[in-house]
């Protein structure tokens, strides 16, 4: 690790002292502002920490500001806007929306409607005719195969 040049180290110390002094005098005011804007005190403290880190990143540039208080509050406002922009609030759906969510039953297709009455009609047929319909029309057997397995002529 290379030692830090003395001039840079002295400048960093001055910057830190400048930022620390501004922060000490404004931290409570900033915290109050952020907590007033947000219902969540922990979220406000997180944003407060972000503001402090941004001030630290400014380094010596922070110390040359004409109005450090205004800068800190502008950064805090920007942090609030960024948070609002990225937040995805959720709300419970109204109870009557469930009715809208489940679509009404669509009427049965004609072929499906016929299958319901097929069993009723099958009961009215002779056993032999009902067997043929079940095997060939409702099942997978061809009429030729049915005839051969039952000794009928096709």
Protein backbone atom coordinates (compact mmCIF):
# COMPACT_ATOMS: atom_id res chain seq x y z
CA UNK A 1 0.00 0.00 0.00
CA UNK A 2 1.32 3.41 -0.94
CA UNK A 3 1.36 6.12 1.70
CA UNK A 4 -1.01 9.02 1.02
CA UNK A 5 0.71 12.28 0.10
CA UNK A 6 0.63 14.73 3.00
CA UNK A 7 -1.13 17.52 1.05
CA UNK A 8 -3.98 15.18 0.02
CA UNK A 9 -4.31 13.81 3.55
CA UNK A 10 -4.47 17.32 5.03
CA UNK A 11 -7.11 18.34 2.48
CA UNK A 12 -9.19 15.24 3.32
CA UNK A 13 -9.01 16.07 7.04
CA UNK A 14 -10.15 19.65 6.35
CA UNK A 15 -12.97 18.35 4.15
CA UNK A 16 -14.08 15.91 6.78
CA UNK A 17 -14.02 18.60 9.46
CA UNK A 18 -16.06 20.93 7.25
CA UNK A 19 -18.64 18.22 6.45
CA UNK A 20 -18.78 17.03 10.07
CA UNK A 21 -19.43 20.58 11.31
CA UNK A 22 -22.21 21.17 8.77
CA UNK A 23 -23.67 17.76 9.50
CA UNK A 24 -23.67 18.30 13.27
CA UNK A 25 -25.58 21.53 12.92
CA UNK A 26 -28.14 20.19 10.41
CA UNK A 27 -28.58 16.45 11.13
CA UNK A 28 -31.51 16.90 13.55
CA UNK A 29 -33.27 19.31 11.21
CA UNK A 30 -32.78 16.96 8.24
CA UNK A 31 -33.99 13.95 10.26
CA UNK A 32 -37.11 15.87 11.31
CA UNK A 33 -37.80 16.87 7.71
CA UNK A 34 -37.39 13.32 6.38
CA UNK A 35 -39.48 11.78 9.16
CA UNK A 36 -42.20 14.33 8.49
CA UNK A 37 -42.19 13.37 4.81
CA UNK A 38 -42.13 9.60 5.41
CA UNK A 39 -44.33 7.63 7.77
CA UNK A 40 -41.52 5.11 8.31
CA UNK A 41 -38.83 6.39 10.70
CA UNK A 42 -36.37 3.68 9.62
CA UNK A 43 -36.77 4.65 5.96
CA UNK A 44 -36.20 8.29 6.92
CA UNK A 45 -32.99 7.33 8.75
CA UNK A 46 -31.84 5.35 5.71
CA UNK A 47 -32.33 8.41 3.50
CA UNK A 48 -30.56 10.56 6.08
CA UNK A 49 -27.57 8.24 5.87
CA UNK A 50 -27.64 8.49 2.06
CA UNK A 51 -27.54 12.30 2.31
CA UNK A 52 -24.54 12.10 4.63
CA UNK A 53 -22.71 9.75 2.24
CA UNK A 54 -23.36 12.11 -0.68
CA UNK A 55 -21.94 14.98 1.34
CA UNK A 56 -18.85 12.88 2.14
CA UNK A 57 -18.38 12.07 -1.55
CA UNK A 58 -18.39 15.80 -2.33
CA UNK A 59 -15.26 16.15 -0.21
CA UNK A 60 -13.66 19.58 -0.51
CA UNK A 61 -16.39 20.62 -2.96
CA UNK A 62 -18.87 20.55 -0.07
CA UNK A 63 -16.72 23.00 1.88
CA UNK A 64 -16.81 25.53 -0.95
CA UNK A 65 -20.62 25.63 -1.12
CA UNK A 66 -22.20 29.01 -0.42
CA UNK A 67 -25.12 27.42 1.44
CA UNK A 68 -24.41 23.88 2.70
CA UNK A 69 -27.82 23.73 4.42
CA UNK A 70 -29.63 24.34 1.12
CA UNK A 71 -27.46 21.71 -0.58
CA UNK A 72 -28.22 19.13 2.14
CA UNK A 73 -31.96 19.77 1.90
CA UNK A 74 -31.87 19.62 -1.90
CA UNK A 75 -30.13 16.24 -1.72
CA UNK A 76 -32.71 15.08 0.85
CA UNK A 77 -35.59 16.21 -1.43
CA UNK A 78 -34.00 14.41 -4.38
CA UNK A 79 -33.65 11.25 -2.27
CA UNK A 80 -37.37 11.45 -1.39
CA UNK A 81 -38.28 11.85 -5.06
CA UNK A 82 -36.07 8.90 -6.04
CA UNK A 83 -37.66 6.77 -3.33
CA UNK A 84 -41.17 7.69 -4.47
CA UNK A 85 -40.24 6.99 -8.08
CA UNK A 86 -38.97 3.49 -7.30
CA UNK A 87 -41.61 2.57 -4.71
CA UNK A 88 -44.36 0.23 -5.82
CA UNK A 89 -47.20 0.80 -3.40
CA UNK A 90 -49.71 -1.98 -3.02
CA UNK A 91 -53.32 -1.72 -2.01
CA UNK A 92 -55.79 -4.43 -1.18
CA UNK A 93 -58.24 -5.12 -3.95
CA UNK A 94 -61.86 -4.26 -3.29
CA UNK A 95 -64.03 -7.24 -2.32
CA UNK A 96 -66.34 -6.78 -5.29
CA UNK A 97 -63.40 -7.03 -7.68
CA UNK A 98 -63.22 -10.77 -7.05
CA UNK A 99 -66.53 -11.15 -8.85
CA UNK A 100 -65.08 -9.36 -11.86
CA UNK A 101 -61.90 -11.42 -11.75
CA UNK A 102 -63.67 -14.75 -12.24
CA UNK A 103 -65.21 -14.79 -15.70
CA UNK A 104 -68.73 -16.03 -16.12
CA UNK A 105 -69.19 -19.58 -17.34
CA UNK A 106 -69.22 -19.59 -21.10
CA UNK A 107 -71.97 -21.62 -22.70
CA UNK A 108 -70.96 -25.13 -23.62
CA UNK A 109 -69.88 -25.83 -27.15
CA UNK A 110 -72.57 -27.76 -29.08
CA UNK A 111 -70.58 -30.99 -29.02
CA UNK A 112 -70.11 -30.72 -25.25
CA UNK A 113 -73.82 -30.03 -24.77
CA UNK A 114 -74.62 -33.19 -26.73
CA UNK A 115 -72.41 -35.36 -24.56
CA UNK A 116 -74.61 -34.58 -21.56
CA UNK A 117 -77.70 -35.92 -23.23
CA UNK A 118 -75.89 -38.91 -24.79
CA UNK A 119 -75.94 -40.93 -21.59
CA UNK A 120 -79.67 -40.27 -21.16
CA UNK A 121 -80.35 -41.39 -24.73
CA UNK A 122 -78.12 -44.47 -24.33
CA UNK A 123 -80.41 -45.66 -21.57
CA UNK A 124 -83.32 -45.65 -24.03
CA UNK A 125 -81.50 -47.82 -26.62
CA UNK A 126 -81.14 -51.54 -26.68
CA UNK A 127 -78.01 -52.84 -24.98
CA UNK A 128 -76.53 -53.92 -28.34
CA UNK A 129 -77.08 -50.47 -29.99
CA UNK A 130 -75.75 -48.68 -26.91
CA UNK A 131 -72.61 -50.86 -26.96
CA UNK A 132 -72.00 -50.03 -30.62
CA UNK A 133 -72.35 -46.27 -30.01
CA UNK A 134 -70.12 -46.38 -26.92
CA UNK A 135 -67.40 -48.32 -28.73
CA UNK A 136 -67.47 -46.53 -32.09
CA UNK A 137 -68.78 -43.01 -31.49
CA UNK A 138 -67.61 -42.36 -27.95
CA UNK A 139 -64.66 -44.74 -27.89
CA UNK A 140 -61.75 -45.22 -30.23
CA UNK A 141 -62.91 -48.38 -32.01
CA UNK A 142 -63.76 -48.28 -35.70
CA UNK A 143 -67.05 -49.80 -36.87
CA UNK A 144 -65.11 -52.43 -38.84
CA UNK A 145 -63.12 -53.48 -35.75
CA UNK A 146 -66.29 -53.62 -33.66
CA UNK A 147 -68.01 -55.77 -36.28
CA UNK A 148 -65.09 -58.19 -36.47
CA UNK A 149 -64.75 -58.57 -32.67
CA UNK A 150 -68.51 -59.15 -32.30
CA UNK A 151 -68.96 -61.43 -35.31
CA UNK A 152 -71.01 -58.91 -37.29
CA UNK A 153 -70.81 -58.15 -40.98
CA UNK A 154 -69.46 -54.71 -41.82
